[in-house]
mmCIF file of all heavy atoms, coordinates in Angstrom:
data_MODEL
# 
_entry.id   MODEL 
# 
loop_
_atom_site.group_PDB 
_atom_site.id 
_atom_site.type_symbol 
_atom_site.label_atom_id 
_atom_site.label_alt_id 
_atom_site.label_comp_id 
_atom_site.label_asym_id 
_atom_site.label_entity_id 
_atom_site.label_seq_id 
_atom_site.pdbx_PDB_ins_code 
_atom_site.Cartn_x 
_atom_site.Cartn_y 
_atom_site.Cartn_z 
_atom_site.occupancy 
_atom_site.B_iso_or_equiv 
_atom_site.pdbx_formal_charge 
_atom_site.auth_seq_id 
_atom_site.auth_comp_id 
_atom_site.auth_asym_id 
_atom_site.auth_atom_id 
_atom_site.pdbx_PDB_model_num 
ATOM 1   N N   . GLY A 1 1  ? 1.281   15.514  18.022  1.00 0.00 ? 1  GLY A N   1 
ATOM 2   C CA  . GLY A 1 1  ? 1.218   16.292  16.702  1.00 0.00 ? 1  GLY A CA  1 
ATOM 3   C C   . GLY A 1 1  ? 2.486   16.351  15.927  1.00 0.00 ? 1  GLY A C   1 
ATOM 4   O O   . GLY A 1 1  ? 3.223   17.367  16.006  1.00 0.00 ? 1  GLY A O   1 
ATOM 5   N N   . ILE A 1 2  ? 2.903   15.307  15.164  1.00 0.00 ? 2  ILE A N   1 
ATOM 6   C CA  . ILE A 1 2  ? 4.113   15.273  14.457  1.00 0.00 ? 2  ILE A CA  1 
ATOM 7   C C   . ILE A 1 2  ? 3.882   14.560  13.116  1.00 0.00 ? 2  ILE A C   1 
ATOM 8   O O   . ILE A 1 2  ? 2.830   13.984  12.889  1.00 0.00 ? 2  ILE A O   1 
ATOM 9   C CB  . ILE A 1 2  ? 5.208   14.470  15.283  1.00 0.00 ? 2  ILE A CB  1 
ATOM 10  C CG1 . ILE A 1 2  ? 4.756   13.021  15.573  1.00 0.00 ? 2  ILE A CG1 1 
ATOM 11  C CG2 . ILE A 1 2  ? 5.583   15.186  16.593  1.00 0.00 ? 2  ILE A CG2 1 
ATOM 12  C CD1 . ILE A 1 2  ? 5.745   12.165  16.300  1.00 0.00 ? 2  ILE A CD1 1 
ATOM 13  N N   . SER A 1 3  ? 4.958   14.597  12.346  1.00 0.00 ? 3  SER A N   1 
ATOM 14  C CA  . SER A 1 3  ? 4.919   13.760  11.098  1.00 0.00 ? 3  SER A CA  1 
ATOM 15  C C   . SER A 1 3  ? 6.134   12.830  11.266  1.00 0.00 ? 3  SER A C   1 
ATOM 16  O O   . SER A 1 3  ? 7.189   13.174  11.592  1.00 0.00 ? 3  SER A O   1 
ATOM 17  C CB  . SER A 1 3  ? 5.188   14.704  9.844   1.00 0.00 ? 3  SER A CB  1 
ATOM 18  O OG  . SER A 1 3  ? 4.015   15.407  9.659   1.00 0.00 ? 3  SER A OG  1 
ATOM 19  N N   . ILE A 1 4  ? 5.911   11.541  10.856  1.00 0.00 ? 4  ILE A N   1 
ATOM 20  C CA  . ILE A 1 4  ? 7.001   10.570  10.889  1.00 0.00 ? 4  ILE A CA  1 
ATOM 21  C C   . ILE A 1 4  ? 7.338   10.145  9.444   1.00 0.00 ? 4  ILE A C   1 
ATOM 22  O O   . ILE A 1 4  ? 6.363   9.895   8.577   1.00 0.00 ? 4  ILE A O   1 
ATOM 23  C CB  . ILE A 1 4  ? 6.477   9.306   11.617  1.00 0.00 ? 4  ILE A CB  1 
ATOM 24  C CG1 . ILE A 1 4  ? 6.146   9.755   13.132  1.00 0.00 ? 4  ILE A CG1 1 
ATOM 25  C CG2 . ILE A 1 4  ? 7.518   8.186   11.640  1.00 0.00 ? 4  ILE A CG2 1 
ATOM 26  C CD1 . ILE A 1 4  ? 5.723   8.573   13.943  1.00 0.00 ? 4  ILE A CD1 1 
ATOM 27  N N   . ASP A 1 5  ? 8.580   9.962   9.203   1.00 0.00 ? 5  ASP A N   1 
ATOM 28  C CA  . ASP A 1 5  ? 9.007   9.413   7.835   1.00 0.00 ? 5  ASP A CA  1 
ATOM 29  C C   . ASP A 1 5  ? 9.051   7.927   7.849   1.00 0.00 ? 5  ASP A C   1 
ATOM 30  O O   . ASP A 1 5  ? 9.883   7.276   8.360   1.00 0.00 ? 5  ASP A O   1 
ATOM 31  C CB  . ASP A 1 5  ? 10.525  9.978   7.562   1.00 0.00 ? 5  ASP A CB  1 
ATOM 32  C CG  . ASP A 1 5  ? 10.921  9.540   6.182   1.00 0.00 ? 5  ASP A CG  1 
ATOM 33  O OD1 . ASP A 1 5  ? 10.206  8.906   5.392   1.00 0.00 ? 5  ASP A OD1 1 
ATOM 34  O OD2 . ASP A 1 5  ? 12.069  9.789   5.854   1.00 0.00 ? 5  ASP A OD2 1 
ATOM 35  N N   . LEU A 1 6  ? 8.007   7.475   7.139   1.00 0.00 ? 6  LEU A N   1 
ATOM 36  C CA  . LEU A 1 6  ? 7.884   5.904   7.027   1.00 0.00 ? 6  LEU A CA  1 
ATOM 37  C C   . LEU A 1 6  ? 8.225   5.522   5.638   1.00 0.00 ? 6  LEU A C   1 
ATOM 38  O O   . LEU A 1 6  ? 7.922   4.394   5.268   1.00 0.00 ? 6  LEU A O   1 
ATOM 39  C CB  . LEU A 1 6  ? 6.465   5.443   7.459   1.00 0.00 ? 6  LEU A CB  1 
ATOM 40  C CG  . LEU A 1 6  ? 6.090   5.679   8.880   1.00 0.00 ? 6  LEU A CG  1 
ATOM 41  C CD1 . LEU A 1 6  ? 4.616   5.245   9.061   1.00 0.00 ? 6  LEU A CD1 1 
ATOM 42  C CD2 . LEU A 1 6  ? 6.953   4.906   9.857   1.00 0.00 ? 6  LEU A CD2 1 
ATOM 43  N N   . SER A 1 7  ? 8.911   6.393   4.827   1.00 0.00 ? 7  SER A N   1 
ATOM 44  C CA  . SER A 1 7  ? 9.143   6.023   3.392   1.00 0.00 ? 7  SER A CA  1 
ATOM 45  C C   . SER A 1 7  ? 10.111  4.851   3.317   1.00 0.00 ? 7  SER A C   1 
ATOM 46  O O   . SER A 1 7  ? 10.135  4.144   2.309   1.00 0.00 ? 7  SER A O   1 
ATOM 47  C CB  . SER A 1 7  ? 9.695   7.260   2.752   1.00 0.00 ? 7  SER A CB  1 
ATOM 48  O OG  . SER A 1 7  ? 10.936  7.814   3.300   1.00 0.00 ? 7  SER A OG  1 
ATOM 49  N N   . PRO A 1 8  ? 10.980  4.548   4.339   1.00 0.00 ? 8  PRO A N   1 
ATOM 50  C CA  . PRO A 1 8  ? 11.856  3.397   4.196   1.00 0.00 ? 8  PRO A CA  1 
ATOM 51  C C   . PRO A 1 8  ? 11.140  2.093   4.327   1.00 0.00 ? 8  PRO A C   1 
ATOM 52  O O   . PRO A 1 8  ? 11.663  1.045   3.929   1.00 0.00 ? 8  PRO A O   1 
ATOM 53  C CB  . PRO A 1 8  ? 12.829  3.541   5.422   1.00 0.00 ? 8  PRO A CB  1 
ATOM 54  C CG  . PRO A 1 8  ? 12.885  5.050   5.725   1.00 0.00 ? 8  PRO A CG  1 
ATOM 55  C CD  . PRO A 1 8  ? 11.470  5.442   5.485   1.00 0.00 ? 8  PRO A CD  1 
ATOM 56  N N   . VAL A 1 9  ? 9.856   2.109   4.713   1.00 0.00 ? 9  VAL A N   1 
ATOM 57  C CA  . VAL A 1 9  ? 9.035   0.853   4.794   1.00 0.00 ? 9  VAL A CA  1 
ATOM 58  C C   . VAL A 1 9  ? 8.790   0.384   3.367   1.00 0.00 ? 9  VAL A C   1 
ATOM 59  O O   . VAL A 1 9  ? 8.345   1.241   2.522   1.00 0.00 ? 9  VAL A O   1 
ATOM 60  C CB  . VAL A 1 9  ? 7.826   1.086   5.586   1.00 0.00 ? 9  VAL A CB  1 
ATOM 61  C CG1 . VAL A 1 9  ? 6.939   -0.204  5.523   1.00 0.00 ? 9  VAL A CG1 1 
ATOM 62  C CG2 . VAL A 1 9  ? 8.021   1.510   6.997   1.00 0.00 ? 9  VAL A CG2 1 
ATOM 63  N N   . LEU A 1 10 ? 8.982   -0.860  3.179   1.00 0.00 ? 10 LEU A N   1 
ATOM 64  C CA  . LEU A 1 10 ? 8.644   -1.453  1.818   1.00 0.00 ? 10 LEU A CA  1 
ATOM 65  C C   . LEU A 1 10 ? 7.352   -2.190  1.854   1.00 0.00 ? 10 LEU A C   1 
ATOM 66  O O   . LEU A 1 10 ? 7.081   -3.151  2.551   1.00 0.00 ? 10 LEU A O   1 
ATOM 67  C CB  . LEU A 1 10 ? 9.699   -2.517  1.343   1.00 0.00 ? 10 LEU A CB  1 
ATOM 68  C CG  . LEU A 1 10 ? 9.432   -3.242  0.118   1.00 0.00 ? 10 LEU A CG  1 
ATOM 69  C CD1 . LEU A 1 10 ? 9.384   -2.356  -1.049  1.00 0.00 ? 10 LEU A CD1 1 
ATOM 70  C CD2 . LEU A 1 10 ? 10.405  -4.411  -0.119  1.00 0.00 ? 10 LEU A CD2 1 
ATOM 71  N N   . PRO A 1 11 ? 6.194   -1.647  1.214   1.00 0.00 ? 11 PRO A N   1 
ATOM 72  C CA  . PRO A 1 11 ? 4.954   -2.263  1.230   1.00 0.00 ? 11 PRO A CA  1 
ATOM 73  C C   . PRO A 1 11 ? 4.803   -3.241  0.090   1.00 0.00 ? 11 PRO A C   1 
ATOM 74  O O   . PRO A 1 11 ? 5.221   -2.898  -1.053  1.00 0.00 ? 11 PRO A O   1 
ATOM 75  C CB  . PRO A 1 11 ? 3.986   -1.140  1.070   1.00 0.00 ? 11 PRO A CB  1 
ATOM 76  C CG  . PRO A 1 11 ? 4.820   -0.075  0.254   1.00 0.00 ? 11 PRO A CG  1 
ATOM 77  C CD  . PRO A 1 11 ? 6.127   -0.250  0.594   1.00 0.00 ? 11 PRO A CD  1 
ATOM 78  N N   . VAL A 1 12 ? 4.287   -4.413  0.450   1.00 0.00 ? 12 VAL A N   1 
ATOM 79  C CA  . VAL A 1 12 ? 4.058   -5.419  -0.622  1.00 0.00 ? 12 VAL A CA  1 
ATOM 80  C C   . VAL A 1 12 ? 2.629   -5.937  -0.392  1.00 0.00 ? 12 VAL A C   1 
ATOM 81  O O   . VAL A 1 12 ? 2.257   -6.265  0.818   1.00 0.00 ? 12 VAL A O   1 
ATOM 82  C CB  . VAL A 1 12 ? 5.043   -6.686  -0.574  1.00 0.00 ? 12 VAL A CB  1 
ATOM 83  C CG1 . VAL A 1 12 ? 4.635   -7.690  -1.570  1.00 0.00 ? 12 VAL A CG1 1 
ATOM 84  C CG2 . VAL A 1 12 ? 6.447   -6.269  -0.675  1.00 0.00 ? 12 VAL A CG2 1 
ATOM 85  N N   . CYS A 1 13 ? 1.746   -5.844  -1.490  1.00 0.00 ? 13 CYS A N   1 
ATOM 86  C CA  . CYS A 1 13 ? 0.331   -6.222  -1.303  1.00 0.00 ? 13 CYS A CA  1 
ATOM 87  C C   . CYS A 1 13 ? 0.155   -7.610  -1.821  1.00 0.00 ? 13 CYS A C   1 
ATOM 88  O O   . CYS A 1 13 ? 0.777   -8.115  -2.758  1.00 0.00 ? 13 CYS A O   1 
ATOM 89  C CB  . CYS A 1 13 ? -0.460  -5.200  -2.126  1.00 0.00 ? 13 CYS A CB  1 
ATOM 90  S SG  . CYS A 1 13 ? -0.269  -3.473  -1.697  1.00 0.00 ? 13 CYS A SG  1 
ATOM 91  N N   . PHE A 1 14 ? -0.863  -8.242  -1.207  1.00 0.00 ? 14 PHE A N   1 
ATOM 92  C CA  . PHE A 1 14 ? -1.445  -9.583  -1.626  1.00 0.00 ? 14 PHE A CA  1 
ATOM 93  C C   . PHE A 1 14 ? -2.974  -9.310  -1.782  1.00 0.00 ? 14 PHE A C   1 
ATOM 94  O O   . PHE A 1 14 ? -3.569  -8.865  -0.794  1.00 0.00 ? 14 PHE A O   1 
ATOM 95  C CB  . PHE A 1 14 ? -1.087  -10.604 -0.620  1.00 0.00 ? 14 PHE A CB  1 
ATOM 96  C CG  . PHE A 1 14 ? 0.328   -11.053 -0.633  1.00 0.00 ? 14 PHE A CG  1 
ATOM 97  C CD1 . PHE A 1 14 ? 1.244   -10.261 0.252   1.00 0.00 ? 14 PHE A CD1 1 
ATOM 98  C CD2 . PHE A 1 14 ? 0.800   -12.069 -1.328  1.00 0.00 ? 14 PHE A CD2 1 
ATOM 99  C CE1 . PHE A 1 14 ? 2.604   -10.597 0.185   1.00 0.00 ? 14 PHE A CE1 1 
ATOM 100 C CE2 . PHE A 1 14 ? 2.116   -12.433 -1.339  1.00 0.00 ? 14 PHE A CE2 1 
ATOM 101 C CZ  . PHE A 1 14 ? 2.946   -11.774 -0.518  1.00 0.00 ? 14 PHE A CZ  1 
ATOM 102 N N   . SER A 1 15 ? -3.452  -9.696  -2.908  1.00 0.00 ? 15 SER A N   1 
ATOM 103 C CA  . SER A 1 15 ? -4.852  -9.479  -3.211  1.00 0.00 ? 15 SER A CA  1 
ATOM 104 C C   . SER A 1 15 ? -5.477  -10.401 -4.189  1.00 0.00 ? 15 SER A C   1 
ATOM 105 O O   . SER A 1 15 ? -4.817  -11.256 -4.716  1.00 0.00 ? 15 SER A O   1 
ATOM 106 C CB  . SER A 1 15 ? -5.026  -8.022  -3.743  1.00 0.00 ? 15 SER A CB  1 
ATOM 107 O OG  . SER A 1 15 ? -4.513  -7.914  -5.011  1.00 0.00 ? 15 SER A OG  1 
ATOM 108 N N   . ASP A 1 16 ? -6.695  -10.215 -4.493  1.00 0.00 ? 16 ASP A N   1 
ATOM 109 C CA  . ASP A 1 16 ? -7.455  -11.069 -5.465  1.00 0.00 ? 16 ASP A CA  1 
ATOM 110 C C   . ASP A 1 16 ? -8.694  -10.339 -5.840  1.00 0.00 ? 16 ASP A C   1 
ATOM 111 O O   . ASP A 1 16 ? -9.167  -9.545  -5.144  1.00 0.00 ? 16 ASP A O   1 
ATOM 112 C CB  . ASP A 1 16 ? -7.708  -12.549 -4.901  1.00 0.00 ? 16 ASP A CB  1 
ATOM 113 C CG  . ASP A 1 16 ? -8.297  -13.432 -5.917  1.00 0.00 ? 16 ASP A CG  1 
ATOM 114 O OD1 . ASP A 1 16 ? -7.973  -13.265 -7.137  1.00 0.00 ? 16 ASP A OD1 1 
ATOM 115 O OD2 . ASP A 1 16 ? -8.993  -14.342 -5.592  1.00 0.00 ? 16 ASP A OD2 1 
ATOM 116 N N   . GLY A 1 17 ? -9.220  -10.838 -6.943  1.00 0.00 ? 17 GLY A N   1 
ATOM 117 C CA  . GLY A 1 17 ? -10.535 -10.364 -7.373  1.00 0.00 ? 17 GLY A CA  1 
ATOM 118 C C   . GLY A 1 17 ? -10.688 -8.840  -7.518  1.00 0.00 ? 17 GLY A C   1 
ATOM 119 O O   . GLY A 1 17 ? -9.759  -8.179  -8.139  1.00 0.00 ? 17 GLY A O   1 
ATOM 120 N N   . GLU A 1 18 ? -11.774 -8.296  -6.990  1.00 0.00 ? 18 GLU A N   1 
ATOM 121 C CA  . GLU A 1 18 ? -11.997 -6.893  -7.027  1.00 0.00 ? 18 GLU A CA  1 
ATOM 122 C C   . GLU A 1 18 ? -10.872 -6.037  -6.350  1.00 0.00 ? 18 GLU A C   1 
ATOM 123 O O   . GLU A 1 18 ? -10.611 -4.884  -6.863  1.00 0.00 ? 18 GLU A O   1 
ATOM 124 C CB  . GLU A 1 18 ? -13.411 -6.504  -6.363  1.00 0.00 ? 18 GLU A CB  1 
ATOM 125 C CG  . GLU A 1 18 ? -14.565 -7.001  -7.172  1.00 0.00 ? 18 GLU A CG  1 
ATOM 126 C CD  . GLU A 1 18 ? -14.501 -6.516  -8.684  1.00 0.00 ? 18 GLU A CD  1 
ATOM 127 O OE1 . GLU A 1 18 ? -14.299 -5.265  -8.801  1.00 0.00 ? 18 GLU A OE1 1 
ATOM 128 O OE2 . GLU A 1 18 ? -14.759 -7.293  -9.556  1.00 0.00 ? 18 GLU A OE2 1 
ATOM 129 N N   . TRP A 1 19 ? -10.246 -6.572  -5.374  1.00 0.00 ? 19 TRP A N   1 
ATOM 130 C CA  . TRP A 1 19 ? -9.211  -5.817  -4.633  1.00 0.00 ? 19 TRP A CA  1 
ATOM 131 C C   . TRP A 1 19 ? -8.076  -5.510  -5.631  1.00 0.00 ? 19 TRP A C   1 
ATOM 132 O O   . TRP A 1 19 ? -7.461  -4.416  -5.641  1.00 0.00 ? 19 TRP A O   1 
ATOM 133 C CB  . TRP A 1 19 ? -8.733  -6.508  -3.368  1.00 0.00 ? 19 TRP A CB  1 
ATOM 134 C CG  . TRP A 1 19 ? -9.713  -6.604  -2.357  1.00 0.00 ? 19 TRP A CG  1 
ATOM 135 C CD1 . TRP A 1 19 ? -10.156 -7.754  -1.749  1.00 0.00 ? 19 TRP A CD1 1 
ATOM 136 C CD2 . TRP A 1 19 ? -10.490 -5.501  -1.753  1.00 0.00 ? 19 TRP A CD2 1 
ATOM 137 N NE1 . TRP A 1 19 ? -11.091 -7.440  -0.723  1.00 0.00 ? 19 TRP A NE1 1 
ATOM 138 C CE2 . TRP A 1 19 ? -11.346 -6.101  -0.748  1.00 0.00 ? 19 TRP A CE2 1 
ATOM 139 C CE3 . TRP A 1 19 ? -10.516 -4.150  -2.012  1.00 0.00 ? 19 TRP A CE3 1 
ATOM 140 C CZ2 . TRP A 1 19 ? -12.279 -5.338  0.002   1.00 0.00 ? 19 TRP A CZ2 1 
ATOM 141 C CZ3 . TRP A 1 19 ? -11.382 -3.404  -1.184  1.00 0.00 ? 19 TRP A CZ3 1 
ATOM 142 C CH2 . TRP A 1 19 ? -12.320 -4.010  -0.205  1.00 0.00 ? 19 TRP A CH2 1 
ATOM 143 N N   . THR A 1 20 ? -7.736  -6.536  -6.486  1.00 0.00 ? 20 THR A N   1 
ATOM 144 C CA  . THR A 1 20 ? -6.669  -6.407  -7.388  1.00 0.00 ? 20 THR A CA  1 
ATOM 145 C C   . THR A 1 20 ? -6.977  -5.196  -8.424  1.00 0.00 ? 20 THR A C   1 
ATOM 146 O O   . THR A 1 20 ? -6.151  -4.423  -8.749  1.00 0.00 ? 20 THR A O   1 
ATOM 147 C CB  . THR A 1 20 ? -6.443  -7.638  -8.158  1.00 0.00 ? 20 THR A CB  1 
ATOM 148 O OG1 . THR A 1 20 ? -5.956  -8.693  -7.277  1.00 0.00 ? 20 THR A OG1 1 
ATOM 149 C CG2 . THR A 1 20 ? -5.245  -7.481  -9.185  1.00 0.00 ? 20 THR A CG2 1 
ATOM 150 N N   . LYS A 1 21 ? -8.178  -5.277  -8.930  1.00 0.00 ? 21 LYS A N   1 
ATOM 151 C CA  . LYS A 1 21 ? -8.636  -4.261  -9.820  1.00 0.00 ? 21 LYS A CA  1 
ATOM 152 C C   . LYS A 1 21 ? -8.456  -2.826  -9.326  1.00 0.00 ? 21 LYS A C   1 
ATOM 153 O O   . LYS A 1 21 ? -8.092  -1.906  -9.949  1.00 0.00 ? 21 LYS A O   1 
ATOM 154 C CB  . LYS A 1 21 ? -10.098 -4.432  -10.343 1.00 0.00 ? 21 LYS A CB  1 
ATOM 155 C CG  . LYS A 1 21 ? -10.227 -5.747  -11.121 1.00 0.00 ? 21 LYS A CG  1 
ATOM 156 C CD  . LYS A 1 21 ? -11.703 -5.998  -11.565 1.00 0.00 ? 21 LYS A CD  1 
ATOM 157 C CE  . LYS A 1 21 ? -11.812 -7.197  -12.273 1.00 0.00 ? 21 LYS A CE  1 
ATOM 158 N NZ  . LYS A 1 21 ? -13.256 -7.441  -12.644 1.00 0.00 ? 21 LYS A NZ  1 
ATOM 159 N N   . ARG A 1 22 ? -8.819  -2.698  -8.000  1.00 0.00 ? 22 ARG A N   1 
ATOM 160 C CA  . ARG A 1 22 ? -8.759  -1.462  -7.284  1.00 0.00 ? 22 ARG A CA  1 
ATOM 161 C C   . ARG A 1 22 ? -7.314  -0.905  -6.983  1.00 0.00 ? 22 ARG A C   1 
ATOM 162 O O   . ARG A 1 22 ? -7.184  0.245   -6.708  1.00 0.00 ? 22 ARG A O   1 
ATOM 163 C CB  . ARG A 1 22 ? -9.599  -1.448  -6.109  1.00 0.00 ? 22 ARG A CB  1 
ATOM 164 C CG  . ARG A 1 22 ? -11.119 -1.573  -6.331  1.00 0.00 ? 22 ARG A CG  1 
ATOM 165 C CD  . ARG A 1 22 ? -11.945 -1.629  -5.101  1.00 0.00 ? 22 ARG A CD  1 
ATOM 166 N NE  . ARG A 1 22 ? -11.995 -0.323  -4.514  1.00 0.00 ? 22 ARG A NE  1 
ATOM 167 C CZ  . ARG A 1 22 ? -12.625 0.038   -3.402  1.00 0.00 ? 22 ARG A CZ  1 
ATOM 168 N NH1 . ARG A 1 22 ? -13.439 -0.940  -2.852  1.00 0.00 ? 22 ARG A NH1 1 
ATOM 169 N NH2 . ARG A 1 22 ? -12.641 1.229   -2.880  1.00 0.00 ? 22 ARG A NH2 1 
ATOM 170 N N   . LEU A 1 23 ? -6.360  -1.830  -7.025  1.00 0.00 ? 23 LEU A N   1 
ATOM 171 C CA  . LEU A 1 23 ? -4.982  -1.566  -6.765  1.00 0.00 ? 23 LEU A CA  1 
ATOM 172 C C   . LEU A 1 23 ? -4.143  -1.277  -8.019  1.00 0.00 ? 23 LEU A C   1 
ATOM 173 O O   . LEU A 1 23 ? -2.991  -0.858  -7.952  1.00 0.00 ? 23 LEU A O   1 
ATOM 174 C CB  . LEU A 1 23 ? -4.412  -2.608  -5.911  1.00 0.00 ? 23 LEU A CB  1 
ATOM 175 C CG  . LEU A 1 23 ? -4.883  -2.811  -4.454  1.00 0.00 ? 23 LEU A CG  1 
ATOM 176 C CD1 . LEU A 1 23 ? -4.432  -4.035  -3.820  1.00 0.00 ? 23 LEU A CD1 1 
ATOM 177 C CD2 . LEU A 1 23 ? -4.468  -1.585  -3.647  1.00 0.00 ? 23 LEU A CD2 1 
ATOM 178 N N   . GLU A 1 24 ? -4.750  -1.595  -9.156  1.00 0.00 ? 24 GLU A N   1 
ATOM 179 C CA  . GLU A 1 24 ? -3.906  -1.522  -10.407 1.00 0.00 ? 24 GLU A CA  1 
ATOM 180 C C   . GLU A 1 24 ? -3.494  -0.115  -10.705 1.00 0.00 ? 24 GLU A C   1 
ATOM 181 O O   . GLU A 1 24 ? -2.438  -0.039  -11.329 1.00 0.00 ? 24 GLU A O   1 
ATOM 182 C CB  . GLU A 1 24 ? -4.817  -2.026  -11.620 1.00 0.00 ? 24 GLU A CB  1 
ATOM 183 C CG  . GLU A 1 24 ? -4.956  -3.583  -11.551 1.00 0.00 ? 24 GLU A CG  1 
ATOM 184 C CD  . GLU A 1 24 ? -5.799  -3.984  -12.681 1.00 0.00 ? 24 GLU A CD  1 
ATOM 185 O OE1 . GLU A 1 24 ? -6.743  -3.184  -13.131 1.00 0.00 ? 24 GLU A OE1 1 
ATOM 186 O OE2 . GLU A 1 24 ? -5.623  -5.145  -13.311 1.00 0.00 ? 24 GLU A OE2 1 
ATOM 187 N N   . ASP A 1 25 ? -4.065  0.893   -10.269 1.00 0.00 ? 25 ASP A N   1 
ATOM 188 C CA  . ASP A 1 25 ? -3.713  2.295   -10.513 1.00 0.00 ? 25 ASP A CA  1 
ATOM 189 C C   . ASP A 1 25 ? -2.479  2.698   -9.771  1.00 0.00 ? 25 ASP A C   1 
ATOM 190 O O   . ASP A 1 25 ? -1.889  3.753   -10.054 1.00 0.00 ? 25 ASP A O   1 
ATOM 191 C CB  . ASP A 1 25 ? -4.830  3.175   -10.434 1.00 0.00 ? 25 ASP A CB  1 
ATOM 192 C CG  . ASP A 1 25 ? -5.329  3.345   -8.988  1.00 0.00 ? 25 ASP A CG  1 
ATOM 193 O OD1 . ASP A 1 25 ? -5.185  2.347   -8.302  1.00 0.00 ? 25 ASP A OD1 1 
ATOM 194 O OD2 . ASP A 1 25 ? -5.925  4.355   -8.534  1.00 0.00 ? 25 ASP A OD2 1 
# 
């Protein structure tokens, strides 16, 4: 039962089609 700071992780997404539309926001 803890919280971990993962904010240093850099997320980069790869997508297409409908997934792209859902990630635009």
